[in-house]
Structure formats: structure tokens, C-alpha cells
All heavy atoms as atom14 arrays in JSON, in Angstrom:
{
  "sequence": "GLVQAGGSLRLSCAASGRTDSMYAMGWFRQAPGKEREFVLRLNLRYGS",
  "atom14_mask": [
    [1, 1, 1, 1, 0, 0, 0, 0, 0, 0, 0, 0, 0, 0],
    [1, 1, 1, 1, 1, 1, 1, 1, 0, 0, 0, 0, 0, 0],
    [1, 1, 1, 1, 1, 1, 1, 0, 0, 0, 0, 0, 0, 0],
    [1, 1, 1, 1, 1, 1, 1, 1, 1, 0, 0, 0, 0, 0],
    [1, 1, 1, 1, 1, 0, 0, 0, 0, 0, 0, 0, 0, 0],
    [1, 1, 1, 1, 0, 0, 0, 0, 0, 0, 0, 0, 0, 0],
    [1, 1, 1, 1, 0, 0, 0, 0, 0, 0, 0, 0, 0, 0],
    [1, 1, 1, 1, 1, 1, 0, 0, 0, 0, 0, 0, 0, 0],
    [1, 1, 1, 1, 1, 1, 1, 1, 0, 0, 0, 0, 0, 0],
    [1, 1, 1, 1, 1, 1, 1, 1, 1, 1, 1, 0, 0, 0],
    [1, 1, 1, 1, 1, 1, 1, 1, 0, 0, 0, 0, 0, 0],
    [1, 1, 1, 1, 1, 1, 0, 0, 0, 0, 0, 0, 0, 0],
    [1, 1, 1, 1, 1, 1, 0, 0, 0, 0, 0, 0, 0, 0],
    [1, 1, 1, 1, 1, 0, 0, 0, 0, 0, 0, 0, 0, 0],
    [1, 1, 1, 1, 1, 0, 0, 0, 0, 0, 0, 0, 0, 0],
    [1, 1, 1, 1, 1, 1, 0, 0, 0, 0, 0, 0, 0, 0],
    [1, 1, 1, 1, 0, 0, 0, 0, 0, 0, 0, 0, 0, 0],
    [1, 1, 1, 1, 1, 1, 1, 1, 1, 1, 1, 0, 0, 0],
    [1, 1, 1, 1, 1, 1, 1, 0, 0, 0, 0, 0, 0, 0],
    [1, 1, 1, 1, 1, 1, 1, 1, 0, 0, 0, 0, 0, 0],
    [1, 1, 1, 1, 1, 1, 0, 0, 0, 0, 0, 0, 0, 0],
    [1, 1, 1, 1, 1, 1, 1, 1, 0, 0, 0, 0, 0, 0],
    [1, 1, 1, 1, 1, 1, 1, 1, 1, 1, 1, 1, 0, 0],
    [1, 1, 1, 1, 1, 0, 0, 0, 0, 0, 0, 0, 0, 0],
    [1, 1, 1, 1, 1, 1, 1, 1, 0, 0, 0, 0, 0, 0],
    [1, 1, 1, 1, 0, 0, 0, 0, 0, 0, 0, 0, 0, 0],
    [1, 1, 1, 1, 1, 1, 1, 1, 1, 1, 1, 1, 1, 1],
    [1, 1, 1, 1, 1, 1, 1, 1, 1, 1, 1, 0, 0, 0],
    [1, 1, 1, 1, 1, 1, 1, 1, 1, 1, 1, 0, 0, 0],
    [1, 1, 1, 1, 1, 1, 1, 1, 1, 0, 0, 0, 0, 0],
    [1, 1, 1, 1, 1, 0, 0, 0, 0, 0, 0, 0, 0, 0],
    [1, 1, 1, 1, 1, 1, 1, 0, 0, 0, 0, 0, 0, 0],
    [1, 1, 1, 1, 0, 0, 0, 0, 0, 0, 0, 0, 0, 0],
    [1, 1, 1, 1, 1, 1, 1, 1, 1, 0, 0, 0, 0, 0],
    [1, 1, 1, 1, 1, 1, 1, 1, 1, 0, 0, 0, 0, 0],
    [1, 1, 1, 1, 1, 1, 1, 1, 1, 1, 1, 0, 0, 0],
    [1, 1, 1, 1, 1, 1, 1, 1, 1, 0, 0, 0, 0, 0],
    [1, 1, 1, 1, 1, 1, 1, 1, 1, 1, 1, 0, 0, 0],
    [1, 1, 1, 1, 1, 1, 1, 0, 0, 0, 0, 0, 0, 0],
    [1, 1, 1, 1, 1, 1, 1, 1, 0, 0, 0, 0, 0, 0],
    [1, 1, 1, 1, 1, 1, 1, 1, 1, 1, 1, 0, 0, 0],
    [1, 1, 1, 1, 1, 1, 1, 1, 0, 0, 0, 0, 0, 0],
    [1, 1, 1, 1, 1, 1, 1, 1, 0, 0, 0, 0, 0, 0],
    [1, 1, 1, 1, 1, 1, 1, 1, 0, 0, 0, 0, 0, 0],
    [1, 1, 1, 1, 1, 1, 1, 1, 1, 1, 1, 0, 0, 0],
    [1, 1, 1, 1, 1, 1, 1, 1, 1, 1, 1, 1, 0, 0],
    [1, 1, 1, 1, 0, 0, 0, 0, 0, 0, 0, 0, 0, 0],
    [1, 1, 1, 1, 1, 1, 0, 0, 0, 0, 0, 0, 0, 0]
  ],
  "atom14_positions": [
    [[-10.09, 19.94, 218.59], [-8.91, 19.1, 218.59], [-8.63, 18.54, 219.96], [-9.48, 18.59, 220.86], [0.0, 0.0, 0.0], [0.0, 0.0, 0.0], [0.0, 0.0, 0.0], [0.0, 0.0, 0.0], [0.0, 0.0, 0.0], [0.0, 0.0, 0.0], [0.0, 0.0, 0.0], [0.0, 0.0, 0.0], [0.0, 0.0, 0.0], [0.0, 0.0, 0.0]],
    [[-7.43, 18.01, 220.11], [-6.98, 17.41, 221.36], [-6.0, 18.37, 222.04], [-5.06, 18.87, 221.4], [-6.3, 16.08, 221.08], [-5.63, 15.37, 222.26], [-6.66, 14.98, 223.3], [-4.86, 14.15, 221.76], [0.0, 0.0, 0.0], [0.0, 0.0, 0.0], [0.0, 0.0, 0.0], [0.0, 0.0, 0.0], [0.0, 0.0, 0.0], [0.0, 0.0, 0.0]],
    [[-6.23, 18.61, 223.33], [-5.37, 19.52, 224.07], [-5.2, 19.0, 225.49], [-6.09, 18.31, 226.0], [-5.96, 20.96, 224.07], [-7.3, 20.99, 224.79], [-4.99, 21.97, 224.64], [0.0, 0.0, 0.0], [0.0, 0.0, 0.0], [0.0, 0.0, 0.0], [0.0, 0.0, 0.0], [0.0, 0.0, 0.0], [0.0, 0.0, 0.0], [0.0, 0.0, 0.0]],
    [[-4.1, 19.32, 226.1], [-3.88, 18.9, 227.48], [-4.61, 19.84, 228.43], [-4.86, 21.01, 228.11], [-2.39, 18.91, 227.8], [-1.61, 17.79, 227.15], [-0.18, 17.72, 227.64], [0.38, 18.71, 228.07], [0.4, 16.53, 227.58], [0.0, 0.0, 0.0], [0.0, 0.0, 0.0], [0.0, 0.0, 0.0], [0.0, 0.0, 0.0], [0.0, 0.0, 0.0]],
    [[-4.91, 19.33, 229.59], [-5.55, 20.15, 230.62], [-4.71, 21.39, 230.9], [-3.48, 21.3, 230.97], [-5.75, 19.34, 231.89], [0.0, 0.0, 0.0], [0.0, 0.0, 0.0], [0.0, 0.0, 0.0], [0.0, 0.0, 0.0], [0.0, 0.0, 0.0], [0.0, 0.0, 0.0], [0.0, 0.0, 0.0], [0.0, 0.0, 0.0], [0.0, 0.0, 0.0]],
    [[-5.39, 22.52, 231.01], [-4.7, 23.78, 231.22], [-4.4, 24.52, 229.94], [-4.02, 25.7, 229.97], [0.0, 0.0, 0.0], [0.0, 0.0, 0.0], [0.0, 0.0, 0.0], [0.0, 0.0, 0.0], [0.0, 0.0, 0.0], [0.0, 0.0, 0.0], [0.0, 0.0, 0.0], [0.0, 0.0, 0.0], [0.0, 0.0, 0.0], [0.0, 0.0, 0.0]],
    [[-4.58, 23.84, 228.81], [-4.3, 24.45, 227.53], [-5.45, 25.28, 226.99], [-6.47, 25.47, 227.68], [0.0, 0.0, 0.0], [0.0, 0.0, 0.0], [0.0, 0.0, 0.0], [0.0, 0.0, 0.0], [0.0, 0.0, 0.0], [0.0, 0.0, 0.0], [0.0, 0.0, 0.0], [0.0, 0.0, 0.0], [0.0, 0.0, 0.0], [0.0, 0.0, 0.0]],
    [[-5.29, 25.74, 225.76], [-6.28, 26.62, 225.14], [-6.62, 26.15, 223.73], [-5.8, 25.49, 223.07], [-5.75, 28.06, 225.05], [-5.47, 28.58, 226.34], [0.0, 0.0, 0.0], [0.0, 0.0, 0.0], [0.0, 0.0, 0.0], [0.0, 0.0, 0.0], [0.0, 0.0, 0.0], [0.0, 0.0, 0.0], [0.0, 0.0, 0.0], [0.0, 0.0, 0.0]],
    [[-7.81, 26.5, 223.31], [-8.26, 26.27, 221.94], [-9.16, 27.43, 221.54], [-9.82, 28.02, 222.4], [-9.05, 24.96, 221.82], [-8.33, 23.65, 221.64], [-9.34, 22.5, 221.62], [-7.48, 23.63, 220.39], [0.0, 0.0, 0.0], [0.0, 0.0, 0.0], [0.0, 0.0, 0.0], [0.0, 0.0, 0.0], [0.0, 0.0, 0.0], [0.0, 0.0, 0.0]],
    [[-9.21, 27.7, 220.25], [-10.16, 28.69, 219.75], [-11.02, 28.04, 218.67], [-10.48, 27.55, 217.67], [-9.47, 29.91, 219.18], [-10.45, 31.03, 218.86], [-9.79, 32.29, 218.35], [-9.43, 32.2, 216.95], [-9.26, 33.25, 216.16], [-9.43, 34.48, 216.65], [-8.91, 33.09, 214.89], [0.0, 0.0, 0.0], [0.0, 0.0, 0.0], [0.0, 0.0, 0.0]],
    [[-12.3, 28.04, 218.89], [-13.25, 27.53, 217.93], [-13.8, 28.68, 217.08], [-13.95, 29.79, 217.57], [-14.41, 26.81, 218.62], [-14.05, 25.69, 219.59], [-15.33, 25.03, 220.11], [-13.13, 24.68, 218.96], [0.0, 0.0, 0.0], [0.0, 0.0, 0.0], [0.0, 0.0, 0.0], [0.0, 0.0, 0.0], [0.0, 0.0, 0.0], [0.0, 0.0, 0.0]],
    [[-14.11, 28.37, 215.84], [-14.71, 29.35, 214.94], [-16.05, 28.84, 214.45], [-16.25, 27.63, 214.3], [-13.8, 29.59, 213.73], [-12.54, 30.07, 214.13], [0.0, 0.0, 0.0], [0.0, 0.0, 0.0], [0.0, 0.0, 0.0], [0.0, 0.0, 0.0], [0.0, 0.0, 0.0], [0.0, 0.0, 0.0], [0.0, 0.0, 0.0], [0.0, 0.0, 0.0]],
    [[-16.95, 29.77, 214.19], [-18.25, 29.45, 213.62], [-18.52, 30.46, 212.51], [-18.76, 31.63, 212.79], [-19.34, 29.5, 214.68], [-21.01, 29.3, 214.02], [0.0, 0.0, 0.0], [0.0, 0.0, 0.0], [0.0, 0.0, 0.0], [0.0, 0.0, 0.0], [0.0, 0.0, 0.0], [0.0, 0.0, 0.0], [0.0, 0.0, 0.0], [0.0, 0.0, 0.0]],
    [[-18.47, 29.99, 211.28], [-18.7, 30.86, 210.13], [-20.15, 30.75, 209.69], [-20.65, 29.64, 209.45], [-17.77, 30.48, 208.99], [0.0, 0.0, 0.0], [0.0, 0.0, 0.0], [0.0, 0.0, 0.0], [0.0, 0.0, 0.0], [0.0, 0.0, 0.0], [0.0, 0.0, 0.0], [0.0, 0.0, 0.0], [0.0, 0.0, 0.0], [0.0, 0.0, 0.0]],
    [[-20.81, 31.9, 209.58], [-22.22, 31.93, 209.19], [-22.34, 32.43, 207.76], [-21.58, 33.3, 207.31], [-23.0, 32.85, 210.12], [0.0, 0.0, 0.0], [0.0, 0.0, 0.0], [0.0, 0.0, 0.0], [0.0, 0.0, 0.0], [0.0, 0.0, 0.0], [0.0, 0.0, 0.0], [0.0, 0.0, 0.0], [0.0, 0.0, 0.0], [0.0, 0.0, 0.0]],
    [[-23.32, 31.87, 207.06], [-23.61, 32.32, 205.69], [-25.11, 32.23, 205.47], [-25.85, 31.65, 206.27], [-22.85, 31.48, 204.67], [-23.22, 30.12, 204.77], [0.0, 0.0, 0.0], [0.0, 0.0, 0.0], [0.0, 0.0, 0.0], [0.0, 0.0, 0.0], [0.0, 0.0, 0.0], [0.0, 0.0, 0.0], [0.0, 0.0, 0.0], [0.0, 0.0, 0.0]],
    [[-25.56, 32.79, 204.35], [-26.98, 32.81, 204.05], [-27.62, 34.07, 204.59], [-27.06, 35.15, 204.47], [0.0, 0.0, 0.0], [0.0, 0.0, 0.0], [0.0, 0.0, 0.0], [0.0, 0.0, 0.0], [0.0, 0.0, 0.0], [0.0, 0.0, 0.0], [0.0, 0.0, 0.0], [0.0, 0.0, 0.0], [0.0, 0.0, 0.0], [0.0, 0.0, 0.0]],
    [[-28.79, 33.92, 205.27], [-29.53, 35.07, 205.77], [-28.95, 35.58, 207.08], [-29.62, 35.62, 208.13], [-30.99, 34.7, 205.96], [-31.78, 34.54, 204.67], [-31.95, 35.89, 203.97], [-32.4, 36.94, 204.85], [-33.66, 37.14, 205.21], [-34.61, 36.33, 204.77], [-33.98, 38.15, 206.02], [0.0, 0.0, 0.0], [0.0, 0.0, 0.0], [0.0, 0.0, 0.0]],
    [[-27.71, 36.02, 207.02], [-27.05, 36.49, 208.25], [-27.69, 37.77, 208.78], [-27.56, 38.08, 209.97], [-25.55, 36.7, 208.01], [-25.39, 37.64, 206.95], [-24.85, 35.4, 207.66], [0.0, 0.0, 0.0], [0.0, 0.0, 0.0], [0.0, 0.0, 0.0], [0.0, 0.0, 0.0], [0.0, 0.0, 0.0], [0.0, 0.0, 0.0], [0.0, 0.0, 0.0]],
    [[-28.4, 38.49, 207.93], [-29.06, 39.71, 208.38], [-30.23, 39.41, 209.3], [-30.73, 40.29, 210.0], [-29.55, 40.52, 207.18], [-30.52, 39.75, 206.31], [-30.29, 38.53, 206.1], [-31.5, 40.33, 205.83], [0.0, 0.0, 0.0], [0.0, 0.0, 0.0], [0.0, 0.0, 0.0], [0.0, 0.0, 0.0], [0.0, 0.0, 0.0], [0.0, 0.0, 0.0]],
    [[-30.68, 38.16, 209.31], [-31.79, 37.77, 210.17], [-31.35, 37.28, 211.54], [-32.18, 37.01, 212.41], [-32.61, 36.65, 209.5], [-31.87, 35.45, 209.47], [0.0, 0.0, 0.0], [0.0, 0.0, 0.0], [0.0, 0.0, 0.0], [0.0, 0.0, 0.0], [0.0, 0.0, 0.0], [0.0, 0.0, 0.0], [0.0, 0.0, 0.0], [0.0, 0.0, 0.0]],
    [[-30.04, 37.18, 211.76], [-29.53, 36.62, 213.01], [-29.71, 37.6, 214.16], [-29.39, 38.78, 214.03], [-28.06, 36.23, 212.88], [-27.8, 35.16, 211.84], [-26.15, 34.44, 211.95], [-25.13, 35.9, 211.79], [0.0, 0.0, 0.0], [0.0, 0.0, 0.0], [0.0, 0.0, 0.0], [0.0, 0.0, 0.0], [0.0, 0.0, 0.0], [0.0, 0.0, 0.0]],
    [[-30.18, 37.11, 215.28], [-30.39, 37.92, 216.47], [-29.36, 37.6, 217.55], [-28.89, 38.49, 218.25], [-31.79, 37.67, 217.03], [-32.09, 38.38, 218.31], [-32.31, 39.76, 218.33], [-32.15, 37.69, 219.53], [-32.59, 40.42, 219.51], [-32.43, 38.35, 220.71], [-32.65, 39.71, 220.69], [-32.92, 40.37, 221.87], [0.0, 0.0, 0.0], [0.0, 0.0, 0.0]],
    [[-29.01, 36.35, 217.67], [-28.02, 35.94, 218.67], [-27.3, 34.7, 218.18], [-27.86, 33.89, 217.41], [-28.66, 35.66, 220.02], [0.0, 0.0, 0.0], [0.0, 0.0, 0.0], [0.0, 0.0, 0.0], [0.0, 0.0, 0.0], [0.0, 0.0, 0.0], [0.0, 0.0, 0.0], [0.0, 0.0, 0.0], [0.0, 0.0, 0.0], [0.0, 0.0, 0.0]],
    [[-26.08, 34.55, 218.61], [-25.3, 33.36, 218.3], [-24.83, 32.75, 219.61], [-24.46, 33.47, 220.54], [-24.09, 33.69, 217.43], [-24.46, 34.29, 216.09], [-23.0, 34.68, 215.08], [-22.55, 33.04, 214.51], [0.0, 0.0, 0.0], [0.0, 0.0, 0.0], [0.0, 0.0, 0.0], [0.0, 0.0, 0.0], [0.0, 0.0, 0.0], [0.0, 0.0, 0.0]],
    [[-24.85, 31.44, 219.65], [-24.46, 30.79, 220.89], [-23.63, 29.55, 220.64], [-23.52, 29.07, 219.51], [0.0, 0.0, 0.0], [0.0, 0.0, 0.0], [0.0, 0.0, 0.0], [0.0, 0.0, 0.0], [0.0, 0.0, 0.0], [0.0, 0.0, 0.0], [0.0, 0.0, 0.0], [0.0, 0.0, 0.0], [0.0, 0.0, 0.0], [0.0, 0.0, 0.0]],
    [[-23.07, 29.05, 221.72], [-22.34, 27.78, 221.7], [-22.96, 26.84, 222.73], [-23.28, 27.24, 223.85], [-20.87, 27.98, 222.06], [-20.05, 28.64, 221.0], [-19.76, 29.97, 220.88], [-19.41, 27.99, 219.89], [-18.98, 30.19, 219.78], [-18.74, 29.0, 219.15], [-19.32, 26.68, 219.45], [-18.01, 28.72, 218.0], [-18.6, 26.4, 218.31], [-17.95, 27.42, 217.59]],
    [[-23.12, 25.61, 222.3], [-23.56, 24.53, 223.17], [-22.53, 23.41, 223.08], [-21.71, 23.38, 222.17], [-24.93, 23.99, 222.73], [-26.08, 24.92, 223.04], [-26.3, 26.05, 222.27], [-26.94, 24.65, 224.09], [-27.35, 26.91, 222.56], [-28.0, 25.49, 224.38], [-28.21, 26.62, 223.6], [0.0, 0.0, 0.0], [0.0, 0.0, 0.0], [0.0, 0.0, 0.0]],
    [[-22.6, 22.49, 224.02], [-21.72, 21.32, 223.95], [-22.46, 20.1, 224.44], [-23.43, 20.2, 225.21], [-20.45, 21.55, 224.77], [-20.68, 21.69, 226.26], [-19.37, 22.06, 226.96], [-19.51, 22.16, 228.41], [-18.55, 22.58, 229.24], [-17.37, 22.93, 228.75], [-18.78, 22.64, 230.53], [0.0, 0.0, 0.0], [0.0, 0.0, 0.0], [0.0, 0.0, 0.0]],
    [[-22.01, 18.97, 223.96], [-22.64, 17.7, 224.35], [-21.58, 16.63, 224.51], [-20.85, 16.31, 223.56], [-23.67, 17.27, 223.31], [-24.49, 16.07, 223.73], [-25.7, 15.87, 222.84], [-25.77, 16.39, 221.73], [-26.67, 15.12, 223.35], [0.0, 0.0, 0.0], [0.0, 0.0, 0.0], [0.0, 0.0, 0.0], [0.0, 0.0, 0.0], [0.0, 0.0, 0.0]],
    [[-21.48, 16.12, 225.72], [-20.57, 15.02, 226.01], [-21.3, 13.69, 225.81], [-22.53, 13.65, 225.9], [-20.05, 15.13, 227.44], [0.0, 0.0, 0.0], [0.0, 0.0, 0.0], [0.0, 0.0, 0.0], [0.0, 0.0, 0.0], [0.0, 0.0, 0.0], [0.0, 0.0, 0.0], [0.0, 0.0, 0.0], [0.0, 0.0, 0.0], [0.0, 0.0, 0.0]],
    [[-20.58, 12.62, 225.57], [-21.23, 11.31, 225.37], [-22.11, 10.94, 226.55], [-21.7, 11.03, 227.7], [-20.03, 10.36, 225.24], [-18.92, 11.21, 224.74], [-19.12, 12.55, 225.39], [0.0, 0.0, 0.0], [0.0, 0.0, 0.0], [0.0, 0.0, 0.0], [0.0, 0.0, 0.0], [0.0, 0.0, 0.0], [0.0, 0.0, 0.0], [0.0, 0.0, 0.0]],
    [[-23.34, 10.54, 226.24], [-24.27, 10.12, 227.29], [-24.91, 11.25, 228.05], [-25.66, 11.0, 229.01], [0.0, 0.0, 0.0], [0.0, 0.0, 0.0], [0.0, 0.0, 0.0], [0.0, 0.0, 0.0], [0.0, 0.0, 0.0], [0.0, 0.0, 0.0], [0.0, 0.0, 0.0], [0.0, 0.0, 0.0], [0.0, 0.0, 0.0], [0.0, 0.0, 0.0]],
    [[-24.63, 12.48, 227.68], [-25.2, 13.62, 228.39], [-26.04, 14.48, 227.45], [-25.91, 14.4, 226.23], [-24.09, 14.47, 229.02], [-23.32, 13.75, 230.11], [-22.37, 14.7, 230.79], [-21.64, 14.02, 231.94], [-20.71, 14.95, 232.65], [0.0, 0.0, 0.0], [0.0, 0.0, 0.0], [0.0, 0.0, 0.0], [0.0, 0.0, 0.0], [0.0, 0.0, 0.0]],
    [[-26.89, 15.31, 228.05], [-27.69, 16.21, 227.25], [-26.85, 17.38, 226.75], [-25.82, 17.73, 227.34], [-28.87, 16.73, 228.07], [-29.88, 15.66, 228.45], [-31.1, 16.24, 229.12], [-31.13, 17.46, 229.36], [-32.04, 15.47, 229.4], [0.0, 0.0, 0.0], [0.0, 0.0, 0.0], [0.0, 0.0, 0.0], [0.0, 0.0, 0.0], [0.0, 0.0, 0.0]],
    [[-27.33, 17.99, 225.67], [-26.66, 19.16, 225.16], [-26.83, 20.29, 226.17], [-27.93, 20.53, 226.67], [-27.26, 19.54, 223.81], [-26.5, 20.61, 223.06], [-26.94, 20.69, 221.62], [-26.65, 19.46, 220.89], [-26.79, 19.33, 219.58], [-27.2, 20.37, 218.86], [-26.52, 18.19, 218.99], [0.0, 0.0, 0.0], [0.0, 0.0, 0.0], [0.0, 0.0, 0.0]],
    [[-25.74, 21.0, 226.45], [-25.8, 22.05, 227.45], [-25.3, 23.38, 226.89], [-24.43, 23.43, 226.03], [-24.98, 21.68, 228.7], [-23.5, 21.57, 228.5], [-22.74, 21.43, 229.81], [-23.36, 21.46, 230.88], [-21.51, 21.3, 229.74], [0.0, 0.0, 0.0], [0.0, 0.0, 0.0], [0.0, 0.0, 0.0], [0.0, 0.0, 0.0], [0.0, 0.0, 0.0]],
    [[-25.89, 24.43, 227.42], [-25.55, 25.79, 227.04], [-24.15, 26.13, 227.54], [-23.78, 25.78, 228.67], [-26.57, 26.75, 227.64], [-26.22, 28.2, 227.54], [-26.37, 28.87, 226.34], [-25.74, 28.89, 228.64], [-26.05, 30.21, 226.24], [-25.42, 30.23, 228.56], [-25.58, 30.89, 227.35], [0.0, 0.0, 0.0], [0.0, 0.0, 0.0], [0.0, 0.0, 0.0]],
    [[-23.39, 26.83, 226.69], [-22.06, 27.29, 227.08], [-22.04, 28.81, 227.19], [-21.74, 29.35, 228.25], [-20.98, 26.82, 226.08], [-19.61, 27.36, 226.48], [-20.96, 25.3, 226.0], [0.0, 0.0, 0.0], [0.0, 0.0, 0.0], [0.0, 0.0, 0.0], [0.0, 0.0, 0.0], [0.0, 0.0, 0.0], [0.0, 0.0, 0.0], [0.0, 0.0, 0.0]],
    [[-22.33, 29.49, 226.07], [-22.42, 30.94, 226.12], [-23.14, 31.46, 224.88], [-23.4, 30.72, 223.94], [-21.03, 31.58, 226.27], [-19.86, 31.04, 225.48], [-20.0, 31.27, 224.0], [-18.57, 31.67, 225.97], [0.0, 0.0, 0.0], [0.0, 0.0, 0.0], [0.0, 0.0, 0.0], [0.0, 0.0, 0.0], [0.0, 0.0, 0.0], [0.0, 0.0, 0.0]],
    [[-23.49, 32.73, 224.95], [-24.31, 33.34, 223.92], [-23.94, 34.81, 223.76], [-23.62, 35.5, 224.72], [-25.78, 33.24, 224.32], [-26.78, 33.98, 223.45], [-28.15, 33.85, 224.08], [-29.21, 34.51, 223.33], [-29.61, 35.74, 223.57], [-29.04, 36.48, 224.49], [-30.6, 36.26, 222.87], [0.0, 0.0, 0.0], [0.0, 0.0, 0.0], [0.0, 0.0, 0.0]],
    [[-24.0, 35.29, 222.52], [-23.76, 36.69, 222.19], [-25.01, 37.27, 221.54], [-25.46, 36.75, 220.5], [-22.56, 36.8, 221.24], [-22.29, 38.18, 220.63], [-21.91, 39.19, 221.73], [-21.19, 38.1, 219.58], [0.0, 0.0, 0.0], [0.0, 0.0, 0.0], [0.0, 0.0, 0.0], [0.0, 0.0, 0.0], [0.0, 0.0, 0.0], [0.0, 0.0, 0.0]],
    [[-25.58, 38.31, 222.14], [-26.7, 39.02, 221.53], [-26.12, 39.98, 220.49], [-25.39, 40.9, 220.83], [-27.46, 39.77, 222.62], [-28.69, 40.47, 222.08], [-28.61, 41.23, 221.12], [-29.82, 40.23, 222.7], [0.0, 0.0, 0.0], [0.0, 0.0, 0.0], [0.0, 0.0, 0.0], [0.0, 0.0, 0.0], [0.0, 0.0, 0.0], [0.0, 0.0, 0.0]],
    [[-26.43, 39.75, 219.24], [-25.83, 40.53, 218.16], [-26.39, 41.95, 218.1], [-25.73, 42.85, 217.59], [-26.07, 39.81, 216.83], [-25.47, 38.42, 216.75], [-25.89, 37.74, 215.46], [-23.96, 38.47, 216.86], [0.0, 0.0, 0.0], [0.0, 0.0, 0.0], [0.0, 0.0, 0.0], [0.0, 0.0, 0.0], [0.0, 0.0, 0.0], [0.0, 0.0, 0.0]],
    [[-27.58, 42.15, 218.63], [-28.18, 43.48, 218.56], [-27.6, 44.4, 219.62], [-27.32, 45.57, 219.35], [-29.69, 43.36, 218.75], [-30.43, 44.68, 218.62], [-31.92, 44.47, 218.7], [-32.41, 43.61, 217.62], [-33.69, 43.26, 217.47], [-34.59, 43.68, 218.35], [-34.05, 42.51, 216.47], [0.0, 0.0, 0.0], [0.0, 0.0, 0.0], [0.0, 0.0, 0.0]],
    [[-27.4, 43.88, 220.84], [-26.95, 44.71, 221.95], [-25.52, 44.43, 222.39], [-24.97, 45.17, 223.19], [-27.89, 44.54, 223.14], [-29.31, 44.89, 222.82], [-30.3, 43.91, 222.72], [-29.69, 46.22, 222.59], [-31.61, 44.24, 222.41], [-30.99, 46.55, 222.28], [-31.95, 45.56, 222.19], [-33.25, 45.89, 221.89], [0.0, 0.0, 0.0], [0.0, 0.0, 0.0]],
    [[-24.95, 43.35, 221.88], [-23.57, 43.02, 222.25], [-23.43, 42.38, 223.61], [-22.31, 42.19, 224.1], [0.0, 0.0, 0.0], [0.0, 0.0, 0.0], [0.0, 0.0, 0.0], [0.0, 0.0, 0.0], [0.0, 0.0, 0.0], [0.0, 0.0, 0.0], [0.0, 0.0, 0.0], [0.0, 0.0, 0.0], [0.0, 0.0, 0.0], [0.0, 0.0, 0.0]],
    [[-24.53, 42.06, 224.26], [-24.47, 41.45, 225.58], [-24.15, 39.97, 225.47], [-24.39, 39.33, 224.44], [-25.8, 41.64, 226.31], [-26.86, 41.12, 225.53], [0.0, 0.0, 0.0], [0.0, 0.0, 0.0], [0.0, 0.0, 0.0], [0.0, 0.0, 0.0], [0.0, 0.0, 0.0], [0.0, 0.0, 0.0], [0.0, 0.0, 0.0], [0.0, 0.0, 0.0]]
  ]
}
């Protein structure tokens, strides 16, 4: 959504299907005219 600088948002990602096969989940972002970039990642096996 739209938020002012300094504000907060919470994004959700719901997974379905072969969720037992998932090893890690991550977030990427892409601004107009820029390459997709890594934001963060959660290792589901170790919690790192």
C-alpha cells in the first residue's frame, strides 16, 4: 500500500501446495527501471 516516510507496513506471503518441500523463504523487491534485489531470507530448516 501507500505509506508516509517513517511509517510501517506488514506484508504477508501465504504458501500452499508442496510446502513440505520448502527450504527457505525470501523477499525481493524491484523498483521501476531497476533490477530485482534481495531484501531478506528465512532458512526454514535452521531458523537463520
